[in-house]
């Protein structure tokens, strides 16, 4: 194999990697902006509604909004929670839902996309509600 040909192919691979990285950064930035809007307009209001319904049913839960996420936590066991957060490491970036339940000294955490294959900007209140309701039985059994 000829050295100039190898160098040309290596340069082409480097250039392609730079273009791909730049395009990925743009996708992550756009998804991050969409996530901030989703959090404010869909996720936090939906979690507040769920918390209100739980309190009306005699379950003590509260909504917390640490930076970049929203969490529905049990009042009696703050390590028992359902949380939505942004995952920029995936391509395309996605909203991850987590649930954590304490079991003695250890915690059992489940993590999955809120809705598989849906872009951040396309998520709805219904997606948030479906995810949270599917995870609630684990938390309610503990509270």
N, C-alpha and C. Protein backbone atom coordinates (compact mmCIF):
# COMPACT_ATOMS: atom_id res chain seq x y z
N UNK A 1 0.83 -1.16 0.00
CA UNK A 1 0.00 0.00 0.00
C UNK A 1 0.89 1.24 0.00
N UNK A 2 0.45 2.25 -0.67
CA UNK A 2 1.19 3.47 -0.87
C UNK A 2 0.97 4.43 0.31
N UNK A 3 2.05 5.00 0.86
CA UNK A 3 1.98 5.92 2.00
C UNK A 3 1.08 7.12 1.70
N UNK A 4 1.19 7.80 0.57
CA UNK A 4 0.30 8.93 0.31
C UNK A 4 -1.19 8.53 0.31
N UNK A 5 -1.48 7.35 -0.17
CA UNK A 5 -2.87 6.87 -0.18
C UNK A 5 -3.38 6.64 1.25
N UNK A 6 -2.52 6.08 2.09
CA UNK A 6 -2.89 5.85 3.50
C UNK A 6 -3.13 7.19 4.20
N UNK A 7 -2.23 8.15 3.97
CA UNK A 7 -2.38 9.47 4.60
C UNK A 7 -3.67 10.15 4.13
N UNK A 8 -3.97 10.03 2.84
CA UNK A 8 -5.20 10.64 2.31
C UNK A 8 -6.43 10.03 2.99
N UNK A 9 -6.43 8.72 3.15
CA UNK A 9 -7.57 8.05 3.79
C UNK A 9 -7.67 8.40 5.27
N UNK A 10 -6.52 8.52 5.93
CA UNK A 10 -6.52 8.91 7.35
C UNK A 10 -7.05 10.33 7.49
N UNK A 11 -6.59 11.26 6.63
CA UNK A 11 -7.09 12.64 6.68
C UNK A 11 -8.60 12.68 6.43
N UNK A 12 -9.07 11.89 5.49
CA UNK A 12 -10.50 11.84 5.20
C UNK A 12 -11.28 11.33 6.42
N UNK A 13 -10.74 10.33 7.12
CA UNK A 13 -11.40 9.81 8.32
C UNK A 13 -11.43 10.85 9.43
N UNK A 14 -10.33 11.59 9.59
CA UNK A 14 -10.27 12.65 10.61
C UNK A 14 -11.27 13.75 10.28
N UNK A 15 -11.33 14.17 9.04
CA UNK A 15 -12.29 15.20 8.62
C UNK A 15 -13.73 14.75 8.85
N UNK A 16 -14.02 13.50 8.53
CA UNK A 16 -15.37 12.97 8.74
C UNK A 16 -15.70 12.94 10.23
N UNK A 17 -14.76 12.54 11.06
CA UNK A 17 -14.98 12.51 12.51
C UNK A 17 -15.26 13.91 13.04
N UNK A 18 -14.55 14.91 12.56
CA UNK A 18 -14.79 16.30 12.99
C UNK A 18 -16.18 16.77 12.57
N UNK A 19 -16.58 16.44 11.34
CA UNK A 19 -17.92 16.83 10.87
C UNK A 19 -19.00 16.14 11.70
N UNK A 20 -18.80 14.85 11.96
CA UNK A 20 -19.77 14.10 12.77
C UNK A 20 -19.87 14.67 14.18
N UNK A 21 -18.73 15.02 14.78
CA UNK A 21 -18.73 15.57 16.14
C UNK A 21 -19.45 16.92 16.17
N UNK A 22 -19.22 17.75 15.15
CA UNK A 22 -19.90 19.04 15.09
C UNK A 22 -21.40 18.89 14.94
N UNK A 23 -21.82 17.96 14.10
CA UNK A 23 -23.26 17.71 13.91
C UNK A 23 -23.87 17.15 15.19
N UNK A 24 -23.15 16.30 15.88
CA UNK A 24 -23.66 15.75 17.15
C UNK A 24 -23.81 16.84 18.20
N UNK A 25 -22.82 17.73 18.29
CA UNK A 25 -22.92 18.85 19.25
C UNK A 25 -24.16 19.69 18.96
N UNK A 26 -24.43 19.95 17.69
CA UNK A 26 -25.62 20.72 17.32
C UNK A 26 -26.89 19.99 17.73
N UNK A 27 -26.95 18.66 17.52
CA UNK A 27 -28.13 17.88 17.91
C UNK A 27 -28.31 17.91 19.43
N UNK A 28 -27.22 17.77 20.17
CA UNK A 28 -27.29 17.78 21.63
C UNK A 28 -27.75 19.15 22.12
N UNK A 29 -27.22 20.23 21.55
CA UNK A 29 -27.63 21.57 21.95
C UNK A 29 -29.12 21.80 21.68
N UNK A 30 -29.60 21.39 20.52
CA UNK A 30 -31.01 21.55 20.18
C UNK A 30 -31.88 20.72 21.12
N UNK A 31 -31.47 19.48 21.40
CA UNK A 31 -32.23 18.62 22.30
C UNK A 31 -32.21 19.16 23.72
N UNK A 32 -31.12 19.75 24.14
CA UNK A 32 -31.02 20.33 25.48
C UNK A 32 -31.99 21.50 25.63
N UNK A 33 -32.07 22.35 24.60
CA UNK A 33 -33.04 23.45 24.64
C UNK A 33 -34.47 22.92 24.66
N UNK A 34 -34.73 21.88 23.87
CA UNK A 34 -36.07 21.27 23.84
C UNK A 34 -36.39 20.64 25.19
N UNK A 35 -35.39 20.04 25.83
CA UNK A 35 -35.60 19.42 27.15
C UNK A 35 -35.97 20.47 28.19
N UNK A 36 -35.28 21.61 28.17
CA UNK A 36 -35.61 22.68 29.13
C UNK A 36 -37.06 23.13 28.96
N UNK A 37 -37.50 23.27 27.73
CA UNK A 37 -38.90 23.65 27.47
C UNK A 37 -39.85 22.54 27.89
N UNK A 38 -39.50 21.29 27.61
CA UNK A 38 -40.31 20.14 27.99
C UNK A 38 -40.45 20.07 29.51
N UNK A 39 -39.37 20.28 30.21
CA UNK A 39 -39.38 20.24 31.67
C UNK A 39 -40.35 21.27 32.23
N UNK A 40 -40.25 22.50 31.74
CA UNK A 40 -41.08 23.58 32.27
C UNK A 40 -42.55 23.45 31.87
N UNK A 41 -42.81 23.01 30.64
CA UNK A 41 -44.19 23.03 30.18
C UNK A 41 -44.92 21.69 30.30
N UNK A 42 -44.22 20.59 30.43
CA UNK A 42 -44.88 19.29 30.50
C UNK A 42 -44.54 18.50 31.76
N UNK A 43 -43.25 18.28 32.01
CA UNK A 43 -42.84 17.36 33.07
C UNK A 43 -43.18 17.88 34.48
N UNK A 44 -42.78 19.11 34.79
CA UNK A 44 -43.03 19.63 36.14
C UNK A 44 -44.53 19.75 36.41
N UNK A 45 -45.33 20.32 35.50
CA UNK A 45 -46.77 20.36 35.76
C UNK A 45 -47.39 18.96 35.92
N UNK A 46 -46.96 18.00 35.12
CA UNK A 46 -47.50 16.64 35.23
C UNK A 46 -47.13 16.02 36.58
N UNK A 47 -45.90 16.20 37.02
CA UNK A 47 -45.48 15.66 38.32
C UNK A 47 -46.25 16.34 39.45
N UNK A 48 -46.51 17.65 39.33
CA UNK A 48 -47.31 18.34 40.36
C UNK A 48 -48.73 17.78 40.41
N UNK A 49 -49.31 17.48 39.26
CA UNK A 49 -50.66 16.89 39.24
C UNK A 49 -50.66 15.51 39.87
N UNK A 50 -49.66 14.72 39.56
CA UNK A 50 -49.56 13.37 40.14
C UNK A 50 -49.40 13.47 41.66
N UNK A 51 -48.54 14.38 42.11
CA UNK A 51 -48.34 14.55 43.56
C UNK A 51 -49.64 14.97 44.24
N UNK A 52 -50.39 15.87 43.62
CA UNK A 52 -51.67 16.30 44.19
C UNK A 52 -52.65 15.13 44.29
N UNK A 53 -52.71 14.32 43.25
CA UNK A 53 -53.60 13.17 43.26
C UNK A 53 -53.17 12.16 44.33
N UNK A 54 -51.86 11.97 44.48
CA UNK A 54 -51.37 11.05 45.51
C UNK A 54 -51.72 11.55 46.91
N UNK A 55 -51.53 12.83 47.15
CA UNK A 55 -51.85 13.41 48.45
C UNK A 55 -53.35 13.26 48.73
N UNK A 56 -54.18 13.47 47.72
CA UNK A 56 -55.63 13.31 47.88
C UNK A 56 -55.99 11.88 48.22
N UNK A 57 -55.15 10.93 47.81
CA UNK A 57 -55.39 9.52 48.11
C UNK A 57 -54.68 9.07 49.39
N UNK A 58 -54.12 10.02 50.12
CA UNK A 58 -53.49 9.69 51.39
C UNK A 58 -52.03 9.26 51.29
N UNK A 59 -51.44 9.41 50.14
CA UNK A 59 -50.02 9.08 49.94
C UNK A 59 -49.22 10.37 50.03
N UNK A 60 -48.14 10.36 50.80
CA UNK A 60 -47.36 11.58 51.01
C UNK A 60 -46.16 11.62 50.07
N UNK A 61 -46.30 12.41 49.01
CA UNK A 61 -45.24 12.60 48.04
C UNK A 61 -45.07 14.09 47.78
N UNK A 62 -43.87 14.47 47.37
CA UNK A 62 -43.61 15.87 47.03
C UNK A 62 -42.80 15.93 45.73
N UNK A 63 -42.88 17.07 45.07
CA UNK A 63 -42.15 17.28 43.82
C UNK A 63 -40.93 18.14 44.10
N UNK A 64 -39.79 17.69 43.64
CA UNK A 64 -38.53 18.42 43.77
C UNK A 64 -38.03 18.72 42.37
N UNK A 65 -37.38 19.85 42.22
CA UNK A 65 -36.85 20.23 40.90
C UNK A 65 -35.37 20.58 40.99
N UNK A 66 -34.53 19.55 41.24
CA UNK A 66 -33.10 19.83 41.19
C UNK A 66 -32.71 20.25 39.78
N UNK A 67 -31.61 20.90 39.63
CA UNK A 67 -31.18 21.43 38.33
C UNK A 67 -31.28 20.38 37.23
N UNK A 68 -32.05 20.71 36.20
CA UNK A 68 -32.13 19.85 35.03
C UNK A 68 -32.96 18.60 35.17
N UNK A 69 -33.77 18.50 36.22
CA UNK A 69 -34.59 17.31 36.37
C UNK A 69 -35.82 17.63 37.21
N UNK A 70 -36.72 16.66 37.28
CA UNK A 70 -37.88 16.77 38.15
C UNK A 70 -38.01 15.43 38.85
N UNK A 71 -38.37 15.47 40.14
CA UNK A 71 -38.41 14.26 40.95
C UNK A 71 -39.67 14.25 41.80
N UNK A 72 -40.32 13.10 41.83
CA UNK A 72 -41.46 12.85 42.69
C UNK A 72 -40.95 11.90 43.77
N UNK A 73 -40.86 12.42 45.01
CA UNK A 73 -40.24 11.66 46.09
C UNK A 73 -41.23 11.43 47.21
N UNK A 74 -41.10 10.28 47.85
CA UNK A 74 -41.92 9.96 49.01
C UNK A 74 -41.45 10.82 50.18
N UNK A 75 -42.41 11.40 50.92
CA UNK A 75 -42.06 12.20 52.10
C UNK A 75 -41.37 11.36 53.17
N UNK A 76 -41.82 10.12 53.33
CA UNK A 76 -41.29 9.29 54.41
C UNK A 76 -39.97 8.63 54.07
N UNK A 77 -39.65 8.51 52.80
CA UNK A 77 -38.40 7.87 52.37
C UNK A 77 -37.87 8.61 51.15
N UNK A 78 -37.07 9.66 51.35
CA UNK A 78 -36.60 10.47 50.23
C UNK A 78 -35.76 9.72 49.20
N UNK A 79 -35.29 8.52 49.54
CA UNK A 79 -34.55 7.73 48.56
C UNK A 79 -35.48 6.94 47.65
N UNK A 80 -36.79 7.04 47.89
CA UNK A 80 -37.78 6.42 47.01
C UNK A 80 -38.34 7.52 46.12
N UNK A 81 -38.07 7.43 44.83
CA UNK A 81 -38.48 8.51 43.94
C UNK A 81 -38.63 8.04 42.50
N UNK A 82 -39.31 8.89 41.73
CA UNK A 82 -39.39 8.78 40.27
C UNK A 82 -38.81 10.08 39.75
N UNK A 83 -37.96 10.00 38.75
CA UNK A 83 -37.25 11.19 38.27
C UNK A 83 -37.14 11.17 36.75
N UNK A 84 -37.20 12.35 36.16
CA UNK A 84 -36.92 12.52 34.74
C UNK A 84 -35.66 13.36 34.60
N UNK A 85 -34.80 12.95 33.70
CA UNK A 85 -33.55 13.66 33.47
C UNK A 85 -33.15 13.56 31.99
N UNK A 86 -32.26 14.42 31.58
CA UNK A 86 -31.80 14.48 30.19
C UNK A 86 -30.53 13.66 30.04
N UNK A 87 -30.47 12.83 29.00
CA UNK A 87 -29.28 12.02 28.74
C UNK A 87 -28.68 12.42 27.39
N UNK A 88 -27.66 13.28 27.40
CA UNK A 88 -27.04 13.70 26.14
C UNK A 88 -26.05 12.69 25.58
N UNK A 89 -25.76 11.62 26.31
CA UNK A 89 -24.78 10.65 25.84
C UNK A 89 -25.32 9.76 24.73
N UNK A 90 -26.63 9.64 24.64
CA UNK A 90 -27.24 8.84 23.58
C UNK A 90 -27.31 9.65 22.29
N UNK A 91 -27.42 8.97 21.18
CA UNK A 91 -27.59 9.67 19.91
C UNK A 91 -28.79 9.07 19.20
N UNK A 92 -29.90 9.74 19.14
CA UNK A 92 -30.14 11.11 19.57
C UNK A 92 -30.32 11.19 21.09
N UNK A 93 -30.06 12.37 21.67
CA UNK A 93 -30.26 12.56 23.10
C UNK A 93 -31.70 12.25 23.49
N UNK A 94 -31.89 11.80 24.73
CA UNK A 94 -33.24 11.40 25.15
C UNK A 94 -33.53 11.80 26.59
N UNK A 95 -34.81 11.72 26.94
CA UNK A 95 -35.25 11.93 28.31
C UNK A 95 -35.33 10.56 28.97
N UNK A 96 -34.59 10.42 30.05
CA UNK A 96 -34.59 9.17 30.80
C UNK A 96 -35.48 9.29 32.01
N UNK A 97 -36.19 8.23 32.29
CA UNK A 97 -36.96 8.14 33.52
C UNK A 97 -36.27 7.17 34.44
N UNK A 98 -36.19 7.55 35.69
CA UNK A 98 -35.57 6.68 36.70
C UNK A 98 -36.55 6.49 37.84
N UNK A 99 -36.52 5.32 38.41
CA UNK A 99 -37.22 5.11 39.67
C UNK A 99 -36.23 4.44 40.60
N UNK A 100 -36.26 4.83 41.84
CA UNK A 100 -35.35 4.30 42.83
C UNK A 100 -36.16 3.93 44.07
N UNK A 101 -35.92 2.73 44.56
CA UNK A 101 -36.60 2.26 45.76
C UNK A 101 -35.56 1.68 46.69
N UNK A 102 -35.56 2.17 47.94
CA UNK A 102 -34.62 1.65 48.93
C UNK A 102 -35.06 0.29 49.42
N UNK A 103 -34.12 -0.60 49.53
CA UNK A 103 -34.34 -1.93 50.08
C UNK A 103 -33.29 -2.16 51.15
N UNK A 104 -33.63 -1.82 52.37
CA UNK A 104 -32.64 -1.91 53.45
C UNK A 104 -31.53 -0.93 53.21
N UNK A 105 -30.30 -1.43 53.15
CA UNK A 105 -29.15 -0.55 52.91
C UNK A 105 -28.86 -0.32 51.44
N UNK A 106 -29.52 -1.06 50.59
CA UNK A 106 -29.25 -0.89 49.15
C UNK A 106 -30.45 -0.28 48.45
N UNK A 107 -30.21 0.22 47.28
CA UNK A 107 -31.26 0.81 46.46
C UNK A 107 -31.38 0.03 45.16
N UNK A 108 -32.61 -0.07 44.68
CA UNK A 108 -32.87 -0.72 43.40
C UNK A 108 -33.35 0.37 42.45
N UNK A 109 -32.58 0.60 41.39
CA UNK A 109 -32.91 1.66 40.44
C UNK A 109 -33.26 1.05 39.08
N UNK A 110 -34.34 1.56 38.52
CA UNK A 110 -34.72 1.24 37.14
C UNK A 110 -34.51 2.49 36.32
N UNK A 111 -34.03 2.32 35.11
CA UNK A 111 -33.80 3.46 34.24
C UNK A 111 -34.17 3.06 32.82
N UNK A 112 -34.99 3.91 32.18
CA UNK A 112 -35.40 3.64 30.81
C UNK A 112 -35.85 4.94 30.17
N UNK A 113 -35.88 4.98 28.84
CA UNK A 113 -36.39 6.19 28.18
C UNK A 113 -37.86 6.40 28.54
N UNK A 114 -38.26 7.65 28.66
CA UNK A 114 -39.66 7.95 28.96
C UNK A 114 -40.54 7.37 27.86
N UNK A 115 -40.13 7.55 26.63
CA UNK A 115 -40.82 6.93 25.50
C UNK A 115 -39.77 6.62 24.43
N UNK A 116 -39.61 5.36 24.15
CA UNK A 116 -38.58 4.89 23.22
C UNK A 116 -38.80 5.44 21.81
N UNK A 117 -37.72 5.95 21.21
CA UNK A 117 -37.75 6.37 19.82
C UNK A 117 -38.41 7.70 19.54
N UNK A 118 -38.72 8.47 20.57
CA UNK A 118 -39.38 9.77 20.41
C UNK A 118 -38.38 10.87 20.75
N UNK A 119 -38.31 11.87 19.87
CA UNK A 119 -37.41 13.01 20.11
C UNK A 119 -37.90 13.80 21.32
N UNK A 120 -36.99 14.47 21.98
CA UNK A 120 -37.30 15.23 23.18
C UNK A 120 -38.44 16.22 22.93
N UNK A 121 -38.38 16.94 21.82
CA UNK A 121 -39.39 17.97 21.55
C UNK A 121 -40.76 17.38 21.24
N UNK A 122 -40.85 16.08 21.00
CA UNK A 122 -42.12 15.44 20.69
C UNK A 122 -42.78 14.77 21.89
N UNK A 123 -42.14 14.79 23.05
CA UNK A 123 -42.73 14.20 24.25
C UNK A 123 -43.89 15.06 24.74
N UNK A 124 -44.88 14.42 25.34
CA UNK A 124 -46.08 15.11 25.79
C UNK A 124 -46.34 14.85 27.27
N UNK A 125 -47.35 15.53 27.80
CA UNK A 125 -47.80 15.30 29.17
C UNK A 125 -48.20 13.84 29.35
N UNK A 126 -48.85 13.29 28.35
CA UNK A 126 -49.31 11.91 28.41
C UNK A 126 -48.14 10.93 28.54
N UNK A 127 -47.04 11.21 27.85
CA UNK A 127 -45.85 10.37 27.96
C UNK A 127 -45.30 10.40 29.39
N UNK A 128 -45.27 11.58 29.98
CA UNK A 128 -44.80 11.73 31.36
C UNK A 128 -45.73 10.97 32.30
N UNK A 129 -47.02 11.16 32.13
CA UNK A 129 -48.00 10.50 32.97
C UNK A 129 -47.89 8.97 32.85
N UNK A 130 -47.80 8.46 31.63
CA UNK A 130 -47.68 7.01 31.43
C UNK A 130 -46.45 6.45 32.11
N UNK A 131 -45.32 7.14 31.98
CA UNK A 131 -44.10 6.66 32.63
C UNK A 131 -44.26 6.66 34.14
N UNK A 132 -44.70 7.78 34.70
CA UNK A 132 -44.80 7.90 36.16
C UNK A 132 -45.80 6.90 36.73
N UNK A 133 -46.95 6.75 36.09
CA UNK A 133 -47.96 5.81 36.59
C UNK A 133 -47.44 4.38 36.54
N UNK A 134 -46.66 4.05 35.53
CA UNK A 134 -46.12 2.69 35.44
C UNK A 134 -45.10 2.40 36.55
N UNK A 135 -44.46 3.44 37.07
CA UNK A 135 -43.46 3.26 38.12
C UNK A 135 -44.03 3.43 39.54
N UNK A 136 -45.19 4.04 39.67
CA UNK A 136 -45.77 4.31 40.99
C UNK A 136 -45.99 3.09 41.87
N UNK A 137 -46.47 1.97 41.36
CA UNK A 137 -46.71 0.82 42.25
C UNK A 137 -45.50 0.42 43.09
N UNK A 138 -44.30 0.51 42.53
CA UNK A 138 -43.10 0.17 43.29
C UNK A 138 -42.90 1.12 44.47
N UNK A 139 -43.18 2.40 44.27
CA UNK A 139 -42.99 3.38 45.33
C UNK A 139 -44.10 3.29 46.37
N UNK A 140 -45.32 3.12 45.92
CA UNK A 140 -46.45 3.09 46.85
C UNK A 140 -46.38 1.86 47.74
N UNK A 141 -45.89 0.77 47.23
CA UNK A 141 -45.74 -0.45 48.03
C UNK A 141 -44.77 -0.23 49.18
N UNK A 142 -43.84 0.71 49.01
CA UNK A 142 -42.84 1.00 50.04
C UNK A 142 -43.28 2.05 51.04
N UNK A 143 -44.21 2.94 50.62
CA UNK A 143 -44.53 4.07 51.53
C UNK A 143 -45.57 3.68 52.56
